[in-house]
Amino acid sequence: MTSRADFGKHHQHEVFSASRAAHLDTPMRRRLYHPERLAKRYVKPGYRVLDFGCGPGFFTREFAKQVGETGRVYAVDLQEEMLRIVREKLESEV
């Protein structure tokens, strides 16, 4: 049996490199996962949304469109470079 103290030892994950971020937001991936459908189904104007592990913003941008002016999306990622990519995408869409 695995104790809580041992959990991290057996379940280590690699962080997807920000240098490869473009692979996470491609037209093919958008056709497969339809982030706009997920956002429209679960996010309403005025909501507060946490996009944990946002990467380059694959879902973040759609969430931001749905929450509108009265809502807020909090994009969180381990890598500052991923957050920079999200910021640049959002600024270019304004």
PDB file of N, CA and C in Angstrom:
ATOM      1  N   MET A   1       0.845  -1.173   0.000  1.00  0.00           N
ATOM      2  CA  MET A   1       0.000   0.000   0.000  1.00  0.00           C
ATOM      3  C   MET A   1       0.896   1.244   0.000  1.00  0.00           C
ATOM      4  N   THR A   2       0.512   2.243  -0.753  1.00  0.00           N
ATOM      5  CA  THR A   2       1.279   3.477  -0.850  1.00  0.00           C
ATOM      6  C   THR A   2       0.747   4.499   0.151  1.00  0.00           C
ATOM      7  N   SER A   3       1.643   5.042   0.943  1.00  0.00           N
ATOM      8  CA  SER A   3       1.228   6.088   1.880  1.00  0.00           C
ATOM      9  C   SER A   3       1.255   7.427   1.164  1.00  0.00           C
ATOM     10  N   ARG A   4       0.667   8.425   1.783  1.00  0.00           N
ATOM     11  CA  ARG A   4       0.683   9.771   1.198  1.00  0.00           C
ATOM     12  C   ARG A   4       2.107  10.277   1.024  1.00  0.00           C
ATOM     13  N   ALA A   5       2.994   9.930   1.952  1.00  0.00           N
ATOM     14  CA  ALA A   5       4.381  10.371   1.876  1.00  0.00           C
ATOM     15  C   ALA A   5       5.087   9.793   0.651  1.00  0.00           C
ATOM     16  N   ASP A   6       4.669   8.609   0.206  1.00  0.00           N
ATOM     17  CA  ASP A   6       5.296   7.967  -0.944  1.00  0.00           C
ATOM     18  C   ASP A   6       4.668   8.372  -2.275  1.00  0.00           C
ATOM     19  N   PHE A   7       3.554   9.056  -2.243  1.00  0.00           N
ATOM     20  CA  PHE A   7       2.811   9.344  -3.465  1.00  0.00           C
ATOM     21  C   PHE A   7       3.674  10.044  -4.508  1.00  0.00           C
ATOM     22  N   GLY A   8       4.374  11.090  -4.112  1.00  0.00           N
ATOM     23  CA  GLY A   8       5.185  11.855  -5.048  1.00  0.00           C
ATOM     24  C   GLY A   8       6.326  11.052  -5.647  1.00  0.00           C
ATOM     25  N   LYS A   9       6.808  10.058  -4.943  1.00  0.00           N
ATOM     26  CA  LYS A   9       7.925   9.258  -5.422  1.00  0.00           C
ATOM     27  C   LYS A   9       7.522   8.375  -6.601  1.00  0.00           C
ATOM     28  N   HIS A  10       6.291   7.930  -6.628  1.00  0.00           N
ATOM     29  CA  HIS A  10       5.843   6.994  -7.645  1.00  0.00           C
ATOM     30  C   HIS A  10       5.085   7.648  -8.793  1.00  0.00           C
ATOM     31  N   HIS A  11       4.682   8.873  -8.613  1.00  0.00           N
ATOM     32  CA  HIS A  11       3.839   9.538  -9.608  1.00  0.00           C
ATOM     33  C   HIS A  11       4.465  10.847 -10.054  1.00  0.00           C
ATOM     34  N   GLN A  12       5.647  10.765 -10.581  1.00  0.00           N
ATOM     35  CA  GLN A  12       6.297  11.971 -11.060  1.00  0.00           C
ATOM     36  C   GLN A  12       5.903  12.207 -12.505  1.00  0.00           C
ATOM     37  N   HIS A  13       5.678  13.467 -12.836  1.00  0.00           N
ATOM     38  CA  HIS A  13       5.264  13.835 -14.180  1.00  0.00           C
ATOM     39  C   HIS A  13       6.250  14.839 -14.752  1.00  0.00           C
ATOM     40  N   GLU A  14       6.443  14.769 -16.039  1.00  0.00           N
ATOM     41  CA  GLU A  14       7.279  15.754 -16.701  1.00  0.00           C
ATOM     42  C   GLU A  14       6.438  16.973 -17.033  1.00  0.00           C
ATOM     43  N   VAL A  15       7.068  18.112 -17.001  1.00  0.00           N
ATOM     44  CA  VAL A  15       6.409  19.356 -17.374  1.00  0.00           C
ATOM     45  C   VAL A  15       6.630  19.538 -18.872  1.00  0.00           C
ATOM     46  N   PHE A  16       5.554  19.838 -19.599  1.00  0.00           N
ATOM     47  CA  PHE A  16       5.644  20.050 -21.038  1.00  0.00           C
ATOM     48  C   PHE A  16       6.400  21.348 -21.278  1.00  0.00           C
ATOM     49  N   SER A  17       7.486  21.293 -21.984  1.00  0.00           N
ATOM     50  CA  SER A  17       8.355  22.448 -22.186  1.00  0.00           C
ATOM     51  C   SER A  17       7.638  23.577 -22.925  1.00  0.00           C
ATOM     52  N   ALA A  18       7.823  24.780 -22.415  1.00  0.00           N
ATOM     53  CA  ALA A  18       7.235  25.954 -23.065  1.00  0.00           C
ATOM     54  C   ALA A  18       7.811  26.155 -24.462  1.00  0.00           C
ATOM     55  N   SER A  19       8.993  25.636 -24.710  1.00  0.00           N
ATOM     56  CA  SER A  19       9.590  25.757 -26.049  1.00  0.00           C
ATOM     57  C   SER A  19       8.785  24.975 -27.089  1.00  0.00           C
ATOM     58  N   ARG A  20       7.943  24.065 -26.620  1.00  0.00           N
ATOM     59  CA  ARG A  20       7.095  23.272 -27.514  1.00  0.00           C
ATOM     60  C   ARG A  20       5.619  23.653 -27.400  1.00  0.00           C
ATOM     61  N   ALA A  21       5.335  24.801 -26.834  1.00  0.00           N
ATOM     62  CA  ALA A  21       3.961  25.235 -26.560  1.00  0.00           C
ATOM     63  C   ALA A  21       3.078  25.269 -27.804  1.00  0.00           C
ATOM     64  N   ALA A  22       3.660  25.557 -28.935  1.00  0.00           N
ATOM     65  CA  ALA A  22       2.870  25.624 -30.178  1.00  0.00           C
ATOM     66  C   ALA A  22       2.176  24.299 -30.480  1.00  0.00           C
ATOM     67  N   HIS A  23       2.715  23.193 -29.996  1.00  0.00           N
ATOM     68  CA  HIS A  23       2.105  21.877 -30.215  1.00  0.00           C
ATOM     69  C   HIS A  23       0.808  21.699 -29.413  1.00  0.00           C
ATOM     70  N   LEU A  24       0.590  22.538 -28.419  1.00  0.00           N
ATOM     71  CA  LEU A  24      -0.605  22.422 -27.576  1.00  0.00           C
ATOM     72  C   LEU A  24      -1.786  23.244 -28.100  1.00  0.00           C
ATOM     73  N   ASP A  25      -1.521  24.111 -29.053  1.00  0.00           N
ATOM     74  CA  ASP A  25      -2.586  24.973 -29.580  1.00  0.00           C
ATOM     75  C   ASP A  25      -2.502  25.006 -31.099  1.00  0.00           C
ATOM     76  N   THR A  26      -3.005  23.954 -31.706  1.00  0.00           N
ATOM     77  CA  THR A  26      -2.966  23.834 -33.164  1.00  0.00           C
ATOM     78  C   THR A  26      -4.392  23.756 -33.724  1.00  0.00           C
ATOM     79  N   PRO A  27      -4.564  24.072 -34.997  1.00  0.00           N
ATOM     80  CA  PRO A  27      -5.892  23.940 -35.606  1.00  0.00           C
ATOM     81  C   PRO A  27      -6.455  22.514 -35.483  1.00  0.00           C
ATOM     82  N   MET A  28      -5.591  21.503 -35.640  1.00  0.00           N
ATOM     83  CA  MET A  28      -6.054  20.111 -35.534  1.00  0.00           C
ATOM     84  C   MET A  28      -6.552  19.824 -34.115  1.00  0.00           C
ATOM     85  N   ARG A  29      -5.818  20.276 -33.124  1.00  0.00           N
ATOM     86  CA  ARG A  29      -6.235  20.041 -31.736  1.00  0.00           C
ATOM     87  C   ARG A  29      -7.544  20.775 -31.445  1.00  0.00           C
ATOM     88  N   ARG A  30      -7.732  21.959 -32.021  1.00  0.00           N
ATOM     89  CA  ARG A  30      -8.983  22.699 -31.835  1.00  0.00           C
ATOM     90  C   ARG A  30     -10.157  21.943 -32.453  1.00  0.00           C
ATOM     91  N   ARG A  31      -9.932  21.325 -33.620  1.00  0.00           N
ATOM     92  CA  ARG A  31     -11.000  20.525 -34.259  1.00  0.00           C
ATOM     93  C   ARG A  31     -11.338  19.284 -33.443  1.00  0.00           C
ATOM     94  N   LEU A  32     -10.326  18.716 -32.780  1.00  0.00           N
ATOM     95  CA  LEU A  32     -10.552  17.510 -31.984  1.00  0.00           C
ATOM     96  C   LEU A  32     -11.248  17.794 -30.652  1.00  0.00           C
ATOM     97  N   TYR A  33     -10.860  18.881 -29.986  1.00  0.00           N
ATOM     98  CA  TYR A  33     -11.329  19.130 -28.617  1.00  0.00           C
ATOM     99  C   TYR A  33     -12.368  20.236 -28.481  1.00  0.00           C
ATOM    100  N   HIS A  34     -12.549  21.065 -29.489  1.00  0.00           N
ATOM    101  CA  HIS A  34     -13.564  22.117 -29.487  1.00  0.00           C
ATOM    102  C   HIS A  34     -13.610  22.919 -28.180  1.00  0.00           C
ATOM    103  N   PRO A  35     -12.565  23.675 -27.870  1.00  0.00           N
ATOM    104  CA  PRO A  35     -12.560  24.429 -26.617  1.00  0.00           C
ATOM    105  C   PRO A  35     -13.708  25.425 -26.511  1.00  0.00           C
ATOM    106  N   GLU A  36     -14.200  25.913 -27.641  1.00  0.00           N
ATOM    107  CA  GLU A  36     -15.323  26.854 -27.601  1.00  0.00           C
ATOM    108  C   GLU A  36     -16.599  26.171 -27.115  1.00  0.00           C
ATOM    109  N   ARG A  37     -16.789  24.909 -27.463  1.00  0.00           N
ATOM    110  CA  ARG A  37     -17.975  24.172 -26.996  1.00  0.00           C
ATOM    111  C   ARG A  37     -17.930  23.962 -25.481  1.00  0.00           C
ATOM    112  N   LEU A  38     -16.771  23.580 -24.986  1.00  0.00           N
ATOM    113  CA  LEU A  38     -16.612  23.383 -23.548  1.00  0.00           C
ATOM    114  C   LEU A  38     -16.877  24.695 -22.808  1.00  0.00           C
ATOM    115  N   ALA A  39     -16.314  25.775 -23.308  1.00  0.00           N
ATOM    116  CA  ALA A  39     -16.502  27.070 -22.667  1.00  0.00           C
ATOM    117  C   ALA A  39     -17.974  27.486 -22.685  1.00  0.00           C
ATOM    118  N   LYS A  40     -18.636  27.330 -23.798  1.00  0.00           N
ATOM    119  CA  LYS A  40     -20.051  27.722 -23.892  1.00  0.00           C
ATOM    120  C   LYS A  40     -20.935  26.864 -22.998  1.00  0.00           C
ATOM    121  N   ARG A  41     -20.567  25.613 -22.832  1.00  0.00           N
ATOM    122  CA  ARG A  41     -21.376  24.713 -22.010  1.00  0.00           C
ATOM    123  C   ARG A  41     -21.244  24.997 -20.511  1.00  0.00           C
ATOM    124  N   TYR A  42     -20.029  25.299 -20.064  1.00  0.00           N
ATOM    125  CA  TYR A  42     -19.779  25.384 -18.626  1.00  0.00           C
ATOM    126  C   TYR A  42     -19.497  26.781 -18.082  1.00  0.00           C
ATOM    127  N   VAL A  43     -19.233  27.740 -18.931  1.00  0.00           N
ATOM    128  CA  VAL A  43     -18.841  29.074 -18.474  1.00  0.00           C
ATOM    129  C   VAL A  43     -19.875  30.098 -18.944  1.00  0.00           C
ATOM    130  N   LYS A  44     -20.326  30.912 -18.020  1.00  0.00           N
ATOM    131  CA  LYS A  44     -21.344  31.929 -18.323  1.00  0.00           C
ATOM    132  C   LYS A  44     -20.788  33.326 -18.056  1.00  0.00           C
ATOM    133  N   PRO A  45     -21.394  34.348 -18.652  1.00  0.00           N
ATOM    134  CA  PRO A  45     -20.948  35.722 -18.386  1.00  0.00           C
ATOM    135  C   PRO A  45     -20.954  36.010 -16.881  1.00  0.00           C
ATOM    136  N   GLY A  46     -19.876  36.649 -16.445  1.00  0.00           N
ATOM    137  CA  GLY A  46     -19.761  37.014 -15.042  1.00  0.00           C
ATOM    138  C   GLY A  46     -19.096  35.970 -14.168  1.00  0.00           C
ATOM    139  N   TYR A  47     -18.884  34.770 -14.679  1.00  0.00           N
ATOM    140  CA  TYR A  47     -18.238  33.710 -13.893  1.00  0.00           C
ATOM    141  C   TYR A  47     -16.791  34.074 -13.567  1.00  0.00           C
ATOM    142  N   ARG A  48     -16.283  33.451 -12.523  1.00  0.00           N
ATOM    143  CA  ARG A  48     -14.866  33.482 -12.175  1.00  0.00           C
ATOM    144  C   ARG A  48     -14.354  32.066 -12.481  1.00  0.00           C
ATOM    145  N   VAL A  49     -13.330  31.973 -13.336  1.00  0.00           N
ATOM    146  CA  VAL A  49     -12.846  30.681 -13.807  1.00  0.00           C
ATOM    147  C   VAL A  49     -11.358  30.544 -13.505  1.00  0.00           C
ATOM    148  N   LEU A  50     -10.969  29.378 -12.981  1.00  0.00           N
ATOM    149  CA  LEU A  50      -9.565  29.063 -12.761  1.00  0.00           C
ATOM    150  C   LEU A  50      -9.131  28.070 -13.835  1.00  0.00           C
ATOM    151  N   ASP A  51      -8.192  28.482 -14.672  1.00  0.00           N
ATOM    152  CA  ASP A  51      -7.624  27.593 -15.681  1.00  0.00           C
ATOM    153  C   ASP A  51      -6.267  27.153 -15.149  1.00  0.00           C
ATOM    154  N   PHE A  52      -6.290  26.051 -14.409  1.00  0.00           N
ATOM    155  CA  PHE A  52      -5.114  25.529 -13.714  1.00  0.00           C
ATOM    156  C   PHE A  52      -4.286  24.687 -14.676  1.00  0.00           C
ATOM    157  N   GLY A  53      -3.010  25.046 -14.846  1.00  0.00           N
ATOM    158  CA  GLY A  53      -2.174  24.363 -15.836  1.00  0.00           C
ATOM    159  C   GLY A  53      -2.547  24.819 -17.226  1.00  0.00           C
ATOM    160  N   CYS A  54      -2.705  26.120 -17.377  1.00  0.00           N
ATOM    161  CA  CYS A  54      -3.256  26.698 -18.604  1.00  0.00           C
ATOM    162  C   CYS A  54      -2.382  26.507 -19.836  1.00  0.00           C
ATOM    163  N   GLY A  55      -1.093  26.243 -19.640  1.00  0.00           N
ATOM    164  CA  GLY A  55      -0.217  26.105 -20.800  1.00  0.00           C
ATOM    165  C   GLY A  55      -0.268  27.364 -21.644  1.00  0.00           C
ATOM    166  N   PRO A  56      -0.305  27.238 -22.963  1.00  0.00           N
ATOM    167  CA  PRO A  56      -0.321  28.416 -23.825  1.00  0.00           C
ATOM    168  C   PRO A  56      -1.715  29.026 -24.025  1.00  0.00           C
ATOM    169  N   GLY A  57      -2.684  28.594 -23.235  1.00  0.00           N
ATOM    170  CA  GLY A  57      -4.002  29.232 -23.284  1.00  0.00           C
ATOM    171  C   GLY A  57      -5.020  28.587 -24.193  1.00  0.00           C
ATOM    172  N   PHE A  58      -4.885  27.300 -24.440  1.00  0.00           N
ATOM    173  CA  PHE A  58      -5.808  26.589 -25.332  1.00  0.00           C
ATOM    174  C   PHE A  58      -7.265  26.810 -24.911  1.00  0.00           C
ATOM    175  N   PHE A  59      -7.561  26.690 -23.625  1.00  0.00           N
ATOM    176  CA  PHE A  59      -8.913  26.933 -23.122  1.00  0.00           C
ATOM    177  C   PHE A  59      -9.077  28.344 -22.573  1.00  0.00           C
ATOM    178  N   THR A  60      -8.007  28.947 -22.103  1.00  0.00           N
ATOM    179  CA  THR A  60      -8.062  30.261 -21.449  1.00  0.00           C
ATOM    180  C   THR A  60      -8.756  31.301 -22.317  1.00  0.00           C
ATOM    181  N   ARG A  61      -8.389  31.357 -23.565  1.00  0.00           N
ATOM    182  CA  ARG A  61      -8.954  32.373 -24.464  1.00  0.00           C
ATOM    183  C   ARG A  61     -10.453  32.195 -24.635  1.00  0.00           C
ATOM    184  N   GLU A  62     -10.904  30.955 -24.757  1.00  0.00           N
ATOM    185  CA  GLU A  62     -12.344  30.711 -24.902  1.00  0.00           C
ATOM    186  C   GLU A  62     -13.078  31.046 -23.607  1.00  0.00           C
ATOM    187  N   PHE A  63     -12.483  30.705 -22.465  1.00  0.00           N
ATOM    188  CA  PHE A  63     -13.090  31.062 -21.179  1.00  0.00           C
ATOM    189  C   PHE A  63     -13.231  32.579 -21.069  1.00  0.00           C
ATOM    190  N   ALA A  64     -12.206  33.296 -21.478  1.00  0.00           N
ATOM    191  CA  ALA A  64     -12.231  34.763 -21.397  1.00  0.00           C
ATOM    192  C   ALA A  64     -13.358  35.344 -22.253  1.00  0.00           C
ATOM    193  N   LYS A  65     -13.571  34.781 -23.433  1.00  0.00           N
ATOM    194  CA  LYS A  65     -14.662  35.247 -24.290  1.00  0.00           C
ATOM    195  C   LYS A  65     -16.013  35.033 -23.595  1.00  0.00           C
ATOM    196  N   GLN A  66     -16.165  33.884 -22.955  1.00  0.00           N
ATOM    197  CA  GLN A  66     -17.446  33.559 -22.318  1.00  0.00           C
ATOM    198  C   GLN A  66     -17.735  34.389 -21.064  1.00  0.00           C
ATOM    199  N   VAL A  67     -16.730  34.646 -20.230  1.00  0.00           N
ATOM    200  CA  VAL A  67     -17.001  35.380 -18.986  1.00  0.00           C
ATOM    201  C   VAL A  67     -17.300  36.846 -19.265  1.00  0.00           C
ATOM    202  N   GLY A  68     -16.816  37.354 -20.379  1.00  0.00           N
ATOM    203  CA  GLY A  68     -17.104  38.721 -20.771  1.00  0.00           C
ATOM    204  C   GLY A  68     -16.464  39.752 -19.847  1.00  0.00           C
ATOM    205  N   GLU A  69     -16.986  40.958 -19.933  1.00  0.00           N
ATOM    206  CA  GLU A  69     -16.443  42.086 -19.176  1.00  0.00           C
ATOM    207  C   GLU A  69     -16.667  41.958 -17.674  1.00  0.00           C
ATOM    208  N   THR A  70     -17.701  41.252 -17.273  1.00  0.00           N
ATOM    209  CA  THR A  70     -18.034  41.178 -15.848  1.00  0.00           C
ATOM    210  C   THR A  70     -17.403  39.987 -15.132  1.00  0.00           C
ATOM    211  N   GLY A  71     -16.780  39.085 -15.883  1.00  0.00           N
ATOM    212  CA  GLY A  71     -16.150  37.915 -15.278  1.00  0.00           C
ATOM    213  C   GLY A  71     -14.646  38.035 -15.229  1.00  0.00           C
ATOM    214  N   ARG A  72     -14.027  36.963 -14.797  1.00  0.00           N
ATOM    215  CA  ARG A  72     -12.564  36.955 -14.699  1.00  0.00           C
ATOM    216  C   ARG A  72     -12.061  35.526 -14.881  1.00  0.00           C
ATOM    217  N   VAL A  73     -10.947  35.394 -15.607  1.00  0.00           N
ATOM    218  CA  VAL A  73     -10.287  34.111 -15.771  1.00  0.00           C
ATOM    219  C   VAL A  73      -8.905  34.212 -15.137  1.00  0.00           C
ATOM    220  N   TYR A  74      -8.606  33.270 -14.269  1.00  0.00           N
ATOM    221  CA  TYR A  74      -7.301  33.196 -13.628  1.00  0.00           C
ATOM    222  C   TYR A  74      -6.529  32.074 -14.304  1.00  0.00           C
ATOM    223  N   ALA A  75      -5.494  32.435 -15.059  1.00  0.00           N
ATOM    224  CA  ALA A  75      -4.657  31.462 -15.754  1.00  0.00           C
ATOM    225  C   ALA A  75      -3.438  31.181 -14.876  1.00  0.00           C
ATOM    226  N   VAL A  76      -3.233  29.913 -14.543  1.00  0.00           N
ATOM    227  CA  VAL A  76      -2.145  29.510 -13.657  1.00  0.00           C
ATOM    228  C   VAL A  76      -1.317  28.431 -14.341  1.00  0.00           C
ATOM    229  N   ASP A  77      -0.002  28.591 -14.292  1.00  0.00           N
ATOM    230  CA  ASP A  77       0.885  27.581 -14.853  1.00  0.00           C
ATOM    231  C   ASP A  77       2.198  27.603 -14.092  1.00  0.00           C
ATOM    232  N   LEU A  78       2.897  26.473 -14.091  1.00  0.00           N
ATOM    233  CA  LEU A  78       4.200  26.385 -13.429  1.00  0.00           C
ATOM    234  C   LEU A  78       5.264  27.219 -14.127  1.00  0.00           C
ATOM    235  N   GLN A  79       5.090  27.409 -15.419  1.00  0.00           N
ATOM    236  CA  GLN A  79       6.120  28.071 -16.221  1.00  0.00           C
ATOM    237  C   GLN A  79       5.727  29.504 -16.581  1.00  0.00           C
ATOM    238  N   GLU A  80       6.563  30.430 -16.210  1.00  0.00           N
ATOM    239  CA  GLU A  80       6.325  31.834 -16.545  1.00  0.00           C
ATOM    240  C   GLU A  80       6.245  32.028 -18.061  1.00  0.00           C
ATOM    241  N   GLU A  81       7.016  31.245 -18.806  1.00  0.00           N
ATOM    242  CA  GLU A  81       6.996  31.357 -20.264  1.00  0.00           C
ATOM    243  C   GLU A  81       5.616  31.035 -20.833  1.00  0.00           C
ATOM    244  N   MET A  82       4.936  30.050 -20.285  1.00  0.00           N
ATOM    245  CA  MET A  82       3.574  29.734 -20.731  1.00  0.00           C
ATOM    246  C   MET A  82       2.638  30.914 -20.459  1.00  0.00           C
ATOM    247  N   LEU A  83       2.792  31.523 -19.309  1.00  0.00           N
ATOM    248  CA  LEU A  83       1.941  32.677 -18.968  1.00  0.00           C
ATOM    249  C   LEU A  83       2.218  33.851 -19.899  1.00  0.00           C
ATOM    250  N   ARG A  84       3.478  34.028 -20.283  1.00  0.00           N
ATOM    251  CA  ARG A  84       3.821  35.088 -21.233  1.00  0.00           C
ATOM    252  C   ARG A  84       3.121  34.841 -22.577  1.00  0.00           C
ATOM    253  N   ILE A  85       3.101  33.588 -23.006  1.00  0.00           N
ATOM    254  CA  ILE A  85       2.446  33.226 -24.267  1.00  0.00           C
ATOM    255  C   ILE A  85       0.953  33.546 -24.190  1.00  0.00           C
ATOM    256  N   VAL A  86       0.314  33.197 -23.090  1.00  0.00           N
ATOM    257  CA  VAL A  86      -1.120  33.480 -22.920  1.00  0.00           C
ATOM    258  C   VAL A  86      -1.357  34.985 -22.974  1.00  0.00           C
ATOM    259  N   ARG A  87      -0.556  35.750 -22.237  1.00  0.00           N
ATOM    260  CA  ARG A  87      -0.704  37.220 -22.231  1.00  0.00           C
ATOM    261  C   ARG A  87      -0.620  37.781 -23.646  1.00  0.00           C
ATOM    262  N   GLU A  88       0.387  37.338 -24.392  1.00  0.00           N
ATOM    263  CA  GLU A  88       0.570  37.847 -25.758  1.00  0.00           C
ATOM    264  C   GLU A  88      -0.615  37.509 -26.648  1.00  0.00           C
ATOM    265  N   LYS A  89      -1.150  36.300 -26.518  1.00  0.00           N
ATOM    266  CA  LYS A  89      -2.309  35.907 -27.323  1.00  0.00           C
ATOM    267  C   LYS A  89      -3.518  36.762 -26.986  1.00  0.00           C
ATOM    268  N   LEU A  90      -3.752  36.960 -25.690  1.00  0.00           N
ATOM    269  CA  LEU A  90      -4.916  37.738 -25.267  1.00  0.00           C
ATOM    270  C   LEU A  90      -4.778  39.197 -25.680  1.00  0.00           C
ATOM    271  N   GLU A  91      -3.581  39.760 -25.564  1.00  0.00           N
ATOM    272  CA  GLU A  91      -3.357  41.157 -25.966  1.00  0.00           C
ATOM    273  C   GLU A  91      -3.554  41.342 -27.468  1.00  0.00           C
ATOM    274  N   SER A  92      -3.152  40.354 -28.259  1.00  0.00           N
ATOM    275  CA  SER A  92      -3.295  40.479 -29.713  1.00  0.00           C
ATOM    276  C   SER A  92      -4.758  40.363 -30.154  1.00  0.00           C
ATOM    277  N   GLU A  93      -5.605  39.769 -29.303  1.00  0.00           N
ATOM    278  CA  GLU A  93      -7.015  39.615 -29.655  1.00  0.00           C
ATOM    279  C   GLU A  93      -7.876  40.804 -29.223  1.00  0.00           C
ATOM    280  N   VAL A  94      -7.306  41.698 -28.421  1.00  0.00           N
ATOM    281  CA  VAL A  94      -8.086  42.839 -27.917  1.00  0.00           C
ATOM    282  C   VAL A  94      -8.172  43.921 -28.948  1.00  0.00           C
TER     283      VAL A  94
END
